[in-house]
Amino acid sequence: MDRRRRDTSSFLPLRPVEFHVLLSLAAGERHGYGIIQDAEARGDTSPLDVGTLYRALRRMREQGLIAEAAAPSSESSTDERRNYYRLTALGLEVGRAEARRLESLTRAARAGGLLKGVA
């Protein structure tokens, strides 16, 4: 069965690189290096590996989570090698489902004493 036709929960759990991609693209269209920069700006402790990122981008395009986008008009047209990506409606749904899943796990970790803070 085509994964795009299945329930969003069939995509979960996402790989960390996939979640970073969805987080970055939720803020707008970006190219691959822009996704890496965005993850670093969020303070991710483990930087995204370029090869891992581009394999994830290809896989996520095939699954219908993201799609290629046109370069912004403000972007210099001198570097045609940059591929821009955007979030699809399915990608947004899956990203939200993963965020809820992680939020639930974080609450459980607090309740179980693994993290400090209120449950």
PDB file of N, CA and C in Angstrom:
ATOM      1  N   MET A   1       0.847  -1.187   0.000  1.00  0.00           N
ATOM      2  CA  MET A   1       0.000   0.000   0.000  1.00  0.00           C
ATOM      3  C   MET A   1       0.887   1.242   0.000  1.00  0.00           C
ATOM      4  N   ASP A   2       0.499   2.260  -0.749  1.00  0.00           N
ATOM      5  CA  ASP A   2       1.242   3.515  -0.817  1.00  0.00           C
ATOM      6  C   ASP A   2       1.201   4.194   0.539  1.00  0.00           C
ATOM      7  N   ARG A   3       2.370   4.548   1.057  1.00  0.00           N
ATOM      8  CA  ARG A   3       2.465   5.118   2.398  1.00  0.00           C
ATOM      9  C   ARG A   3       1.701   6.427   2.513  1.00  0.00           C
ATOM     10  N   ARG A   4       1.550   7.173   1.426  1.00  0.00           N
ATOM     11  CA  ARG A   4       0.834   8.442   1.442  1.00  0.00           C
ATOM     12  C   ARG A   4      -0.641   8.254   1.754  1.00  0.00           C
ATOM     13  N   ARG A   5      -1.164   7.091   1.484  1.00  0.00           N
ATOM     14  CA  ARG A   5      -2.592   6.839   1.695  1.00  0.00           C
ATOM     15  C   ARG A   5      -2.885   6.311   3.090  1.00  0.00           C
ATOM     16  N   ARG A   6      -1.868   6.000   3.823  1.00  0.00           N
ATOM     17  CA  ARG A   6      -2.067   5.452   5.155  1.00  0.00           C
ATOM     18  C   ARG A   6      -2.233   6.568   6.174  1.00  0.00           C
ATOM     19  N   ASP A   7      -2.667   6.201   7.327  1.00  0.00           N
ATOM     20  CA  ASP A   7      -2.830   7.113   8.439  1.00  0.00           C
ATOM     21  C   ASP A   7      -1.481   7.740   8.801  1.00  0.00           C
ATOM     22  N   THR A   8      -1.515   8.978   9.283  1.00  0.00           N
ATOM     23  CA  THR A   8      -0.266   9.669   9.630  1.00  0.00           C
ATOM     24  C   THR A   8       0.541   8.896  10.665  1.00  0.00           C
ATOM     25  N   SER A   9      -0.135   8.130  11.533  1.00  0.00           N
ATOM     26  CA  SER A   9       0.595   7.384  12.567  1.00  0.00           C
ATOM     27  C   SER A   9       1.511   6.325  11.961  1.00  0.00           C
ATOM     28  N   SER A  10       1.260   5.931  10.715  1.00  0.00           N
ATOM     29  CA  SER A  10       2.115   4.926  10.082  1.00  0.00           C
ATOM     30  C   SER A  10       3.510   5.491   9.780  1.00  0.00           C
ATOM     31  N   PHE A  11       3.670   6.804   9.824  1.00  0.00           N
ATOM     32  CA  PHE A  11       4.971   7.428   9.584  1.00  0.00           C
ATOM     33  C   PHE A  11       5.788   7.530  10.877  1.00  0.00           C
ATOM     34  N   LEU A  12       5.128   7.302  12.017  1.00  0.00           N
ATOM     35  CA  LEU A  12       5.771   7.528  13.314  1.00  0.00           C
ATOM     36  C   LEU A  12       6.389   6.271  13.866  1.00  0.00           C
ATOM     37  N   PRO A  13       7.449   6.379  14.635  1.00  0.00           N
ATOM     38  CA  PRO A  13       8.173   7.613  14.954  1.00  0.00           C
ATOM     39  C   PRO A  13       9.052   8.046  13.781  1.00  0.00           C
ATOM     40  N   LEU A  14       9.217   9.339  13.666  1.00  0.00           N
ATOM     41  CA  LEU A  14      10.101   9.878  12.632  1.00  0.00           C
ATOM     42  C   LEU A  14      11.555   9.750  13.064  1.00  0.00           C
ATOM     43  N   ARG A  15      12.427   9.650  12.109  1.00  0.00           N
ATOM     44  CA  ARG A  15      13.855   9.753  12.399  1.00  0.00           C
ATOM     45  C   ARG A  15      14.126  11.201  12.807  1.00  0.00           C
ATOM     46  N   PRO A  16      15.108  11.438  13.675  1.00  0.00           N
ATOM     47  CA  PRO A  16      15.403  12.819  14.083  1.00  0.00           C
ATOM     48  C   PRO A  16      15.647  13.749  12.897  1.00  0.00           C
ATOM     49  N   VAL A  17      16.356  13.288  11.881  1.00  0.00           N
ATOM     50  CA  VAL A  17      16.633  14.141  10.719  1.00  0.00           C
ATOM     51  C   VAL A  17      15.331  14.527  10.024  1.00  0.00           C
ATOM     52  N   GLU A  18      14.378  13.602   9.943  1.00  0.00           N
ATOM     53  CA  GLU A  18      13.100  13.894   9.302  1.00  0.00           C
ATOM     54  C   GLU A  18      12.319  14.932  10.095  1.00  0.00           C
ATOM     55  N   PHE A  19      12.347  14.811  11.407  1.00  0.00           N
ATOM     56  CA  PHE A  19      11.640  15.787  12.240  1.00  0.00           C
ATOM     57  C   PHE A  19      12.275  17.170  12.099  1.00  0.00           C
ATOM     58  N   HIS A  20      13.596  17.229  12.035  1.00  0.00           N
ATOM     59  CA  HIS A  20      14.277  18.509  11.825  1.00  0.00           C
ATOM     60  C   HIS A  20      13.877  19.132  10.486  1.00  0.00           C
ATOM     61  N   VAL A  21      13.763  18.323   9.470  1.00  0.00           N
ATOM     62  CA  VAL A  21      13.345  18.830   8.162  1.00  0.00           C
ATOM     63  C   VAL A  21      11.942  19.422   8.258  1.00  0.00           C
ATOM     64  N   LEU A  22      11.023  18.686   8.868  1.00  0.00           N
ATOM     65  CA  LEU A  22       9.649  19.180   8.991  1.00  0.00           C
ATOM     66  C   LEU A  22       9.587  20.443   9.844  1.00  0.00           C
ATOM     67  N   LEU A  23      10.363  20.488  10.915  1.00  0.00           N
ATOM     68  CA  LEU A  23      10.415  21.699  11.746  1.00  0.00           C
ATOM     69  C   LEU A  23      10.899  22.900  10.937  1.00  0.00           C
ATOM     70  N   SER A  24      11.933  22.706  10.183  1.00  0.00           N
ATOM     71  CA  SER A  24      12.489  23.800   9.389  1.00  0.00           C
ATOM     72  C   SER A  24      11.514  24.273   8.324  1.00  0.00           C
ATOM     73  N   LEU A  25      10.898  23.333   7.629  1.00  0.00           N
ATOM     74  CA  LEU A  25      10.010  23.695   6.531  1.00  0.00           C
ATOM     75  C   LEU A  25       8.669  24.237   7.023  1.00  0.00           C
ATOM     76  N   ALA A  26       8.325  23.985   8.282  1.00  0.00           N
ATOM     77  CA  ALA A  26       7.096  24.554   8.837  1.00  0.00           C
ATOM     78  C   ALA A  26       7.184  26.081   8.874  1.00  0.00           C
ATOM     79  N   ALA A  27       8.399  26.603   8.939  1.00  0.00           N
ATOM     80  CA  ALA A  27       8.606  28.056   8.962  1.00  0.00           C
ATOM     81  C   ALA A  27       8.690  28.652   7.562  1.00  0.00           C
ATOM     82  N   GLY A  28       8.795  27.812   6.544  1.00  0.00           N
ATOM     83  CA  GLY A  28       8.862  28.306   5.173  1.00  0.00           C
ATOM     84  C   GLY A  28       9.794  27.470   4.323  1.00  0.00           C
ATOM     85  N   GLU A  29       9.801  27.775   3.034  1.00  0.00           N
ATOM     86  CA  GLU A  29      10.623  27.034   2.076  1.00  0.00           C
ATOM     87  C   GLU A  29      12.104  27.267   2.362  1.00  0.00           C
ATOM     88  N   ARG A  30      12.893  26.215   2.191  1.00  0.00           N
ATOM     89  CA  ARG A  30      14.338  26.291   2.424  1.00  0.00           C
ATOM     90  C   ARG A  30      15.059  25.333   1.489  1.00  0.00           C
ATOM     91  N   HIS A  31      16.343  25.613   1.306  1.00  0.00           N
ATOM     92  CA  HIS A  31      17.207  24.661   0.615  1.00  0.00           C
ATOM     93  C   HIS A  31      17.892  23.813   1.673  1.00  0.00           C
ATOM     94  N   GLY A  32      18.587  22.764   1.236  1.00  0.00           N
ATOM     95  CA  GLY A  32      19.187  21.821   2.174  1.00  0.00           C
ATOM     96  C   GLY A  32      20.089  22.458   3.205  1.00  0.00           C
ATOM     97  N   TYR A  33      21.011  23.312   2.754  1.00  0.00           N
ATOM     98  CA  TYR A  33      21.919  23.948   3.706  1.00  0.00           C
ATOM     99  C   TYR A  33      21.153  24.854   4.660  1.00  0.00           C
ATOM    100  N   GLY A  34      20.075  25.473   4.190  1.00  0.00           N
ATOM    101  CA  GLY A  34      19.234  26.300   5.052  1.00  0.00           C
ATOM    102  C   GLY A  34      18.580  25.480   6.150  1.00  0.00           C
ATOM    103  N   ILE A  35      18.232  24.232   5.842  1.00  0.00           N
ATOM    104  CA  ILE A  35      17.664  23.336   6.855  1.00  0.00           C
ATOM    105  C   ILE A  35      18.708  23.037   7.925  1.00  0.00           C
ATOM    106  N   ILE A  36      19.936  22.794   7.506  1.00  0.00           N
ATOM    107  CA  ILE A  36      21.021  22.545   8.462  1.00  0.00           C
ATOM    108  C   ILE A  36      21.229  23.771   9.338  1.00  0.00           C
ATOM    109  N   GLN A  37      21.277  24.948   8.742  1.00  0.00           N
ATOM    110  CA  GLN A  37      21.471  26.185   9.501  1.00  0.00           C
ATOM    111  C   GLN A  37      20.337  26.402  10.495  1.00  0.00           C
ATOM    112  N   ASP A  38      19.113  26.112  10.087  1.00  0.00           N
ATOM    113  CA  ASP A  38      17.966  26.280  10.969  1.00  0.00           C
ATOM    114  C   ASP A  38      18.056  25.334  12.160  1.00  0.00           C
ATOM    115  N   ALA A  39      18.436  24.083  11.928  1.00  0.00           N
ATOM    116  CA  ALA A  39      18.584  23.119  13.022  1.00  0.00           C
ATOM    117  C   ALA A  39      19.659  23.582  14.001  1.00  0.00           C
ATOM    118  N   GLU A  40      20.754  24.111  13.480  1.00  0.00           N
ATOM    119  CA  GLU A  40      21.825  24.614  14.340  1.00  0.00           C
ATOM    120  C   GLU A  40      21.358  25.823  15.147  1.00  0.00           C
ATOM    121  N   ALA A  41      20.562  26.691  14.530  1.00  0.00           N
ATOM    122  CA  ALA A  41      20.050  27.882  15.220  1.00  0.00           C
ATOM    123  C   ALA A  41      19.101  27.497  16.352  1.00  0.00           C
ATOM    124  N   ARG A  42      18.417  26.365  16.219  1.00  0.00           N
ATOM    125  CA  ARG A  42      17.536  25.888  17.291  1.00  0.00           C
ATOM    126  C   ARG A  42      18.327  25.290  18.436  1.00  0.00           C
ATOM    127  N   GLY A  43      19.624  25.128  18.253  1.00  0.00           N
ATOM    128  CA  GLY A  43      20.464  24.598  19.321  1.00  0.00           C
ATOM    129  C   GLY A  43      20.549  23.092  19.348  1.00  0.00           C
ATOM    130  N   ASP A  44      20.308  22.453  18.222  1.00  0.00           N
ATOM    131  CA  ASP A  44      20.435  21.007  18.167  1.00  0.00           C
ATOM    132  C   ASP A  44      21.862  20.626  18.506  1.00  0.00           C
ATOM    133  N   THR A  45      22.016  19.689  19.433  1.00  0.00           N
ATOM    134  CA  THR A  45      23.352  19.319  19.894  1.00  0.00           C
ATOM    135  C   THR A  45      24.095  18.424  18.916  1.00  0.00           C
ATOM    136  N   SER A  46      23.371  17.709  18.063  1.00  0.00           N
ATOM    137  CA  SER A  46      24.049  16.869  17.079  1.00  0.00           C
ATOM    138  C   SER A  46      23.769  17.433  15.690  1.00  0.00           C
ATOM    139  N   PRO A  47      24.763  18.018  15.062  1.00  0.00           N
ATOM    140  CA  PRO A  47      24.535  18.639  13.750  1.00  0.00           C
ATOM    141  C   PRO A  47      24.107  17.616  12.711  1.00  0.00           C
ATOM    142  N   LEU A  48      23.316  18.084  11.757  1.00  0.00           N
ATOM    143  CA  LEU A  48      22.848  17.204  10.695  1.00  0.00           C
ATOM    144  C   LEU A  48      23.977  16.904   9.722  1.00  0.00           C
ATOM    145  N   ASP A  49      24.141  15.643   9.410  1.00  0.00           N
ATOM    146  CA  ASP A  49      25.124  15.208   8.425  1.00  0.00           C
ATOM    147  C   ASP A  49      24.541  15.466   7.039  1.00  0.00           C
ATOM    148  N   VAL A  50      25.340  16.043   6.162  1.00  0.00           N
ATOM    149  CA  VAL A  50      24.865  16.418   4.827  1.00  0.00           C
ATOM    150  C   VAL A  50      24.333  15.208   4.057  1.00  0.00           C
ATOM    151  N   GLY A  51      25.064  14.108   4.050  1.00  0.00           N
ATOM    152  CA  GLY A  51      24.624  12.916   3.328  1.00  0.00           C
ATOM    153  C   GLY A  51      23.327  12.368   3.883  1.00  0.00           C
ATOM    154  N   THR A  52      23.218  12.317   5.206  1.00  0.00           N
ATOM    155  CA  THR A  52      21.998  11.838   5.850  1.00  0.00           C
ATOM    156  C   THR A  52      20.827  12.744   5.510  1.00  0.00           C
ATOM    157  N   LEU A  53      21.065  14.055   5.512  1.00  0.00           N
ATOM    158  CA  LEU A  53      20.014  15.013   5.198  1.00  0.00           C
ATOM    159  C   LEU A  53      19.498  14.806   3.778  1.00  0.00           C
ATOM    160  N   TYR A  54      20.381  14.719   2.812  1.00  0.00           N
ATOM    161  CA  TYR A  54      19.933  14.602   1.425  1.00  0.00           C
ATOM    162  C   TYR A  54      19.254  13.264   1.137  1.00  0.00           C
ATOM    163  N   ARG A  55      19.664  12.207   1.825  1.00  0.00           N
ATOM    164  CA  ARG A  55      18.947  10.934   1.693  1.00  0.00           C
ATOM    165  C   ARG A  55      17.544  11.067   2.284  1.00  0.00           C
ATOM    166  N   ALA A  56      17.446  11.757   3.423  1.00  0.00           N
ATOM    167  CA  ALA A  56      16.140  11.971   4.053  1.00  0.00           C
ATOM    168  C   ALA A  56      15.247  12.831   3.165  1.00  0.00           C
ATOM    169  N   LEU A  57      15.804  13.877   2.558  1.00  0.00           N
ATOM    170  CA  LEU A  57      15.011  14.731   1.674  1.00  0.00           C
ATOM    171  C   LEU A  57      14.445  13.935   0.505  1.00  0.00           C
ATOM    172  N   ARG A  58      15.263  13.068  -0.071  1.00  0.00           N
ATOM    173  CA  ARG A  58      14.800  12.239  -1.191  1.00  0.00           C
ATOM    174  C   ARG A  58      13.676  11.302  -0.723  1.00  0.00           C
ATOM    175  N   ARG A  59      13.886  10.645   0.404  1.00  0.00           N
ATOM    176  CA  ARG A  59      12.900   9.713   0.943  1.00  0.00           C
ATOM    177  C   ARG A  59      11.588  10.450   1.281  1.00  0.00           C
ATOM    178  N   MET A  60      11.699  11.630   1.876  1.00  0.00           N
ATOM    179  CA  MET A  60      10.516  12.387   2.270  1.00  0.00           C
ATOM    180  C   MET A  60       9.749  12.918   1.061  1.00  0.00           C
ATOM    181  N   ARG A  61      10.461  13.240  -0.011  1.00  0.00           N
ATOM    182  CA  ARG A  61       9.793  13.633  -1.260  1.00  0.00           C
ATOM    183  C   ARG A  61       9.001  12.463  -1.817  1.00  0.00           C
ATOM    184  N   GLU A  62       9.622  11.275  -1.823  1.00  0.00           N
ATOM    185  CA  GLU A  62       8.960  10.079  -2.331  1.00  0.00           C
ATOM    186  C   GLU A  62       7.725   9.722  -1.511  1.00  0.00           C
ATOM    187  N   GLN A  63       7.750  10.010  -0.222  1.00  0.00           N
ATOM    188  CA  GLN A  63       6.620   9.707   0.658  1.00  0.00           C
ATOM    189  C   GLN A  63       5.529  10.777   0.605  1.00  0.00           C
ATOM    190  N   GLY A  64       5.828  11.895  -0.030  1.00  0.00           N
ATOM    191  CA  GLY A  64       4.844  12.965  -0.122  1.00  0.00           C
ATOM    192  C   GLY A  64       4.812  13.898   1.068  1.00  0.00           C
ATOM    193  N   LEU A  65       5.831  13.842   1.932  1.00  0.00           N
ATOM    194  CA  LEU A  65       5.887  14.716   3.102  1.00  0.00           C
ATOM    195  C   LEU A  65       6.370  16.117   2.744  1.00  0.00           C
ATOM    196  N   ILE A  66       7.234  16.187   1.749  1.00  0.00           N
ATOM    197  CA  ILE A  66       7.750  17.462   1.270  1.00  0.00           C
ATOM    198  C   ILE A  66       7.705  17.450  -0.256  1.00  0.00           C
ATOM    199  N   ALA A  67       7.852  18.628  -0.834  1.00  0.00           N
ATOM    200  CA  ALA A  67       7.876  18.744  -2.291  1.00  0.00           C
ATOM    201  C   ALA A  67       8.914  19.781  -2.669  1.00  0.00           C
ATOM    202  N   GLU A  68       9.377  19.704  -3.899  1.00  0.00           N
ATOM    203  CA  GLU A  68      10.310  20.719  -4.370  1.00  0.00           C
ATOM    204  C   GLU A  68       9.555  22.025  -4.547  1.00  0.00           C
ATOM    205  N   ALA A  69      10.263  23.125  -4.319  1.00  0.00           N
ATOM    206  CA  ALA A  69       9.676  24.458  -4.447  1.00  0.00           C
ATOM    207  C   ALA A  69      10.582  25.307  -5.317  1.00  0.00           C
ATOM    208  N   ALA A  70      10.019  26.331  -5.894  1.00  0.00           N
ATOM    209  CA  ALA A  70      10.805  27.266  -6.695  1.00  0.00           C
ATOM    210  C   ALA A  70      11.651  28.127  -5.759  1.00  0.00           C
ATOM    211  N   ALA A  71      12.812  28.517  -6.235  1.00  0.00           N
ATOM    212  CA  ALA A  71      13.674  29.407  -5.449  1.00  0.00           C
ATOM    213  C   ALA A  71      12.963  30.742  -5.262  1.00  0.00           C
ATOM    214  N   PRO A  72      13.085  31.340  -4.084  1.00  0.00           N
ATOM    215  CA  PRO A  72      12.463  32.641  -3.870  1.00  0.00           C
ATOM    216  C   PRO A  72      13.009  33.676  -4.847  1.00  0.00           C
ATOM    217  N   SER A  73      12.191  34.630  -5.235  1.00  0.00           N
ATOM    218  CA  SER A  73      12.623  35.643  -6.197  1.00  0.00           C
ATOM    219  C   SER A  73      13.758  36.494  -5.647  1.00  0.00           C
ATOM    220  N   SER A  74      13.877  36.575  -4.327  1.00  0.00           N
ATOM    221  CA  SER A  74      14.955  37.357  -3.721  1.00  0.00           C
ATOM    222  C   SER A  74      16.297  36.632  -3.774  1.00  0.00           C
ATOM    223  N   GLU A  75      16.256  35.328  -4.022  1.00  0.00           N
ATOM    224  CA  GLU A  75      17.480  34.517  -4.069  1.00  0.00           C
ATOM    225  C   GLU A  75      18.233  34.771  -5.366  1.00  0.00           C
ATOM    226  N   SER A  76      19.520  34.873  -5.237  1.00  0.00           N
ATOM    227  CA  SER A  76      20.357  35.067  -6.417  1.00  0.00           C
ATOM    228  C   SER A  76      20.246  33.853  -7.331  1.00  0.00           C
ATOM    229  N   SER A  77      20.099  34.086  -8.605  1.00  0.00           N
ATOM    230  CA  SER A  77      19.957  32.980  -9.553  1.00  0.00           C
ATOM    231  C   SER A  77      21.304  32.431 -10.001  1.00  0.00           C
ATOM    232  N   THR A  78      22.374  32.854  -9.351  1.00  0.00           N
ATOM    233  CA  THR A  78      23.699  32.400  -9.762  1.00  0.00           C
ATOM    234  C   THR A  78      23.989  30.972  -9.329  1.00  0.00           C
ATOM    235  N   ASP A  79      23.299  30.471  -8.314  1.00  0.00           N
ATOM    236  CA  ASP A  79      23.562  29.113  -7.839  1.00  0.00           C
ATOM    237  C   ASP A  79      22.354  28.235  -8.133  1.00  0.00           C
ATOM    238  N   GLU A  80      22.336  27.631  -9.289  1.00  0.00           N
ATOM    239  CA  GLU A  80      21.215  26.797  -9.697  1.00  0.00           C
ATOM    240  C   GLU A  80      21.258  25.418  -9.058  1.00  0.00           C
ATOM    241  N   ARG A  81      22.320  25.126  -8.332  1.00  0.00           N
ATOM    242  CA  ARG A  81      22.429  23.813  -7.694  1.00  0.00           C
ATOM    243  C   ARG A  81      21.517  23.683  -6.489  1.00  0.00           C
ATOM    244  N   ARG A  82      21.076  24.789  -5.930  1.00  0.00           N
ATOM    245  CA  ARG A  82      20.227  24.731  -4.739  1.00  0.00           C
ATOM    246  C   ARG A  82      18.829  24.267  -5.101  1.00  0.00           C
ATOM    247  N   ASN A  83      18.395  23.246  -4.385  1.00  0.00           N
ATOM    248  CA  ASN A  83      17.028  22.761  -4.513  1.00  0.00           C
ATOM    249  C   ASN A  83      16.263  23.222  -3.284  1.00  0.00           C
ATOM    250  N   TYR A  84      15.132  23.846  -3.501  1.00  0.00           N
ATOM    251  CA  TYR A  84      14.297  24.322  -2.409  1.00  0.00           C
ATOM    252  C   TYR A  84      13.179  23.328  -2.168  1.00  0.00           C
ATOM    253  N   TYR A  85      12.757  23.252  -0.913  1.00  0.00           N
ATOM    254  CA  TYR A  85      11.728  22.308  -0.504  1.00  0.00           C
ATOM    255  C   TYR A  85      10.656  23.034   0.282  1.00  0.00           C
ATOM    256  N   ARG A  86       9.449  22.474   0.223  1.00  0.00           N
ATOM    257  CA  ARG A  86       8.333  23.005   0.993  1.00  0.00           C
ATOM    258  C   ARG A  86       7.602  21.842   1.650  1.00  0.00           C
ATOM    259  N   LEU A  87       6.895  22.152   2.693  1.00  0.00           N
ATOM    260  CA  LEU A  87       6.094  21.179   3.411  1.00  0.00           C
ATOM    261  C   LEU A  87       4.790  20.931   2.649  1.00  0.00           C
ATOM    262  N   THR A  88       4.353  19.699   2.583  1.00  0.00           N
ATOM    263  CA  THR A  88       3.047  19.385   2.003  1.00  0.00           C
ATOM    264  C   THR A  88       2.025  19.311   3.142  1.00  0.00           C
ATOM    265  N   ALA A  89       0.761  19.223   2.788  1.00  0.00           N
ATOM    266  CA  ALA A  89      -0.281  19.090   3.812  1.00  0.00           C
ATOM    267  C   ALA A  89      -0.062  17.815   4.631  1.00  0.00           C
ATOM    268  N   LEU A  90       0.324  16.733   3.951  1.00  0.00           N
ATOM    269  CA  LEU A  90       0.615  15.486   4.658  1.00  0.00           C
ATOM    270  C   LEU A  90       1.809  15.672   5.590  1.00  0.00           C
ATOM    271  N   GLY A  91       2.849  16.346   5.118  1.00  0.00           N
ATOM    272  CA  GLY A  91       4.021  16.587   5.946  1.00  0.00           C
ATOM    273  C   GLY A  91       3.683  17.383   7.199  1.00  0.00           C
ATOM    274  N   LEU A  92       2.818  18.369   7.049  1.00  0.00           N
ATOM    275  CA  LEU A  92       2.384  19.160   8.207  1.00  0.00           C
ATOM    276  C   LEU A  92       1.636  18.285   9.205  1.00  0.00           C
ATOM    277  N   GLU A  93       0.727  17.442   8.714  1.00  0.00           N
ATOM    278  CA  GLU A  93      -0.014  16.528   9.596  1.00  0.00           C
ATOM    279  C   GLU A  93       0.928  15.579  10.333  1.00  0.00           C
ATOM    280  N   VAL A  94       1.872  15.015   9.603  1.00  0.00           N
ATOM    281  CA  VAL A  94       2.819  14.068  10.206  1.00  0.00           C
ATOM    282  C   VAL A  94       3.712  14.783  11.219  1.00  0.00           C
ATOM    283  N   GLY A  95       4.184  15.979  10.890  1.00  0.00           N
ATOM    284  CA  GLY A  95       5.004  16.744  11.821  1.00  0.00           C
ATOM    285  C   GLY A  95       4.261  17.047  13.110  1.00  0.00           C
ATOM    286  N   ARG A  96       3.004  17.435  12.986  1.00  0.00           N
ATOM    287  CA  ARG A  96       2.196  17.716  14.183  1.00  0.00           C
ATOM    288  C   ARG A  96       1.979  16.451  15.007  1.00  0.00           C
ATOM    289  N   ALA A  97       1.728  15.327  14.334  1.00  0.00           N
ATOM    290  CA  ALA A  97       1.535  14.063  15.046  1.00  0.00           C
ATOM    291  C   ALA A  97       2.806  13.669  15.801  1.00  0.00           C
ATOM    292  N   GLU A  98       3.955  13.870  15.179  1.00  0.00           N
ATOM    293  CA  GLU A  98       5.227  13.546  15.842  1.00  0.00           C
ATOM    294  C   GLU A  98       5.462  14.478  17.021  1.00  0.00           C
ATOM    295  N   ALA A  99       5.140  15.753  16.886  1.00  0.00           N
ATOM    296  CA  ALA A  99       5.308  16.705  17.994  1.00  0.00           C
ATOM    297  C   ALA A  99       4.426  16.301  19.179  1.00  0.00           C
ATOM    298  N   ARG A 100       3.194  15.884  18.894  1.00  0.00           N
ATOM    299  CA  ARG A 100       2.303  15.423  19.969  1.00  0.00           C
ATOM    300  C   ARG A 100       2.862  14.169  20.631  1.00  0.00           C
ATOM    301  N   ARG A 101       3.414  13.266  19.823  1.00  0.00           N
ATOM    302  CA  ARG A 101       3.995  12.030  20.368  1.00  0.00           C
ATOM    303  C   ARG A 101       5.167  12.348  21.294  1.00  0.00           C
ATOM    304  N   LEU A 102       6.026  13.260  20.855  1.00  0.00           N
ATOM    305  CA  LEU A 102       7.187  13.645  21.671  1.00  0.00           C
ATOM    306  C   LEU A 102       6.760  14.386  22.934  1.00  0.00           C
ATOM    307  N   GLU A 103       5.731  15.214  22.803  1.00  0.00           N
ATOM    308  CA  GLU A 103       5.211  15.935  23.967  1.00  0.00           C
ATOM    309  C   GLU A 103       4.688  14.953  25.014  1.00  0.00           C
ATOM    310  N   SER A 104       3.986  13.921  24.557  1.00  0.00           N
ATOM    311  CA  SER A 104       3.459  12.909  25.454  1.00  0.00           C
ATOM    312  C   SER A 104       4.585  12.151  26.158  1.00  0.00           C
ATOM    313  N   LEU A 105       5.629  11.820  25.403  1.00  0.00           N
ATOM    314  CA  LEU A 105       6.785  11.136  26.004  1.00  0.00           C
ATOM    315  C   LEU A 105       7.488  12.019  27.026  1.00  0.00           C
ATOM    316  N   THR A 106       7.566  13.319  26.739  1.00  0.00           N
ATOM    317  CA  THR A 106       8.210  14.245  27.668  1.00  0.00           C
ATOM    318  C   THR A 106       7.405  14.335  28.964  1.00  0.00           C
ATOM    319  N   ARG A 107       6.085  14.393  28.848  1.00  0.00           N
ATOM    320  CA  ARG A 107       5.239  14.411  30.053  1.00  0.00           C
ATOM    321  C   ARG A 107       5.457  13.136  30.867  1.00  0.00           C
ATOM    322  N   ALA A 108       5.530  11.998  30.195  1.00  0.00           N
ATOM    323  CA  ALA A 108       5.755  10.728  30.891  1.00  0.00           C
ATOM    324  C   ALA A 108       7.127  10.712  31.562  1.00  0.00           C
ATOM    325  N   ALA A 109       8.134  11.279  30.909  1.00  0.00           N
ATOM    326  CA  ALA A 109       9.478  11.324  31.494  1.00  0.00           C
ATOM    327  C   ALA A 109       9.487  12.200  32.742  1.00  0.00           C
ATOM    328  N   ARG A 110       8.736  13.288  32.725  1.00  0.00           N
ATOM    329  CA  ARG A 110       8.644  14.142  33.913  1.00  0.00           C
ATOM    330  C   ARG A 110       7.915  13.412  35.037  1.00  0.00           C
ATOM    331  N   ALA A 111       6.801  12.783  34.701  1.00  0.00           N
ATOM    332  CA  ALA A 111       6.020  12.066  35.689  1.00  0.00           C
ATOM    333  C   ALA A 111       6.814  10.902  36.279  1.00  0.00           C
ATOM    334  N   GLY A 112       7.647  10.289  35.460  1.00  0.00           N
ATOM    335  CA  GLY A 112       8.448   9.150  35.911  1.00  0.00           C
ATOM    336  C   GLY A 112       9.739   9.544  36.611  1.00  0.00           C
ATOM    337  N   GLY A 113      10.024  10.834  36.672  1.00  0.00           N
ATOM    338  CA  GLY A 113      11.208  11.304  37.384  1.00  0.00           C
ATOM    339  C   GLY A 113      12.466  11.389  36.542  1.00  0.00           C
ATOM    340  N   LEU A 114      12.355  11.162  35.238  1.00  0.00           N
ATOM    341  CA  LEU A 114      13.542  11.268  34.388  1.00  0.00           C
ATOM    342  C   LEU A 114      13.909  12.708  34.091  1.00  0.00           C
ATOM    343  N   LEU A 115      12.915  13.579  34.071  1.00  0.00           N
ATOM    344  CA  LEU A 115      13.147  15.004  33.834  1.00  0.00           C
ATOM    345  C   LEU A 115      12.596  15.788  35.012  1.00  0.00           C
ATOM    346  N   LYS A 116      13.265  16.873  35.346  1.00  0.00           N
ATOM    347  CA  LYS A 116      12.779  17.737  36.412  1.00  0.00           C
ATOM    348  C   LYS A 116      11.679  18.633  35.870  1.00  0.00           C
ATOM    349  N   GLY A 117      10.802  19.021  36.728  1.00  0.00           N
ATOM    350  CA  GLY A 117       9.695  19.890  36.343  1.00  0.00           C
ATOM    351  C   GLY A 117       8.384  19.276  36.734  1.00  0.00           C
ATOM    352  N   VAL A 118       7.344  20.008  36.490  1.00  0.00           N
ATOM    353  CA  VAL A 118       6.010  19.527  36.846  1.00  0.00           C
ATOM    354  C   VAL A 118       5.486  18.590  35.770  1.00  0.00           C
ATOM    355  N   ALA A 119       4.679  17.651  36.200  1.00  0.00           N
ATOM    356  CA  ALA A 119       4.121  16.666  35.263  1.00  0.00           C
ATOM    357  C   ALA A 119       3.020  17.220  34.427  1.00  0.00           C
TER     358      ALA A 119
END
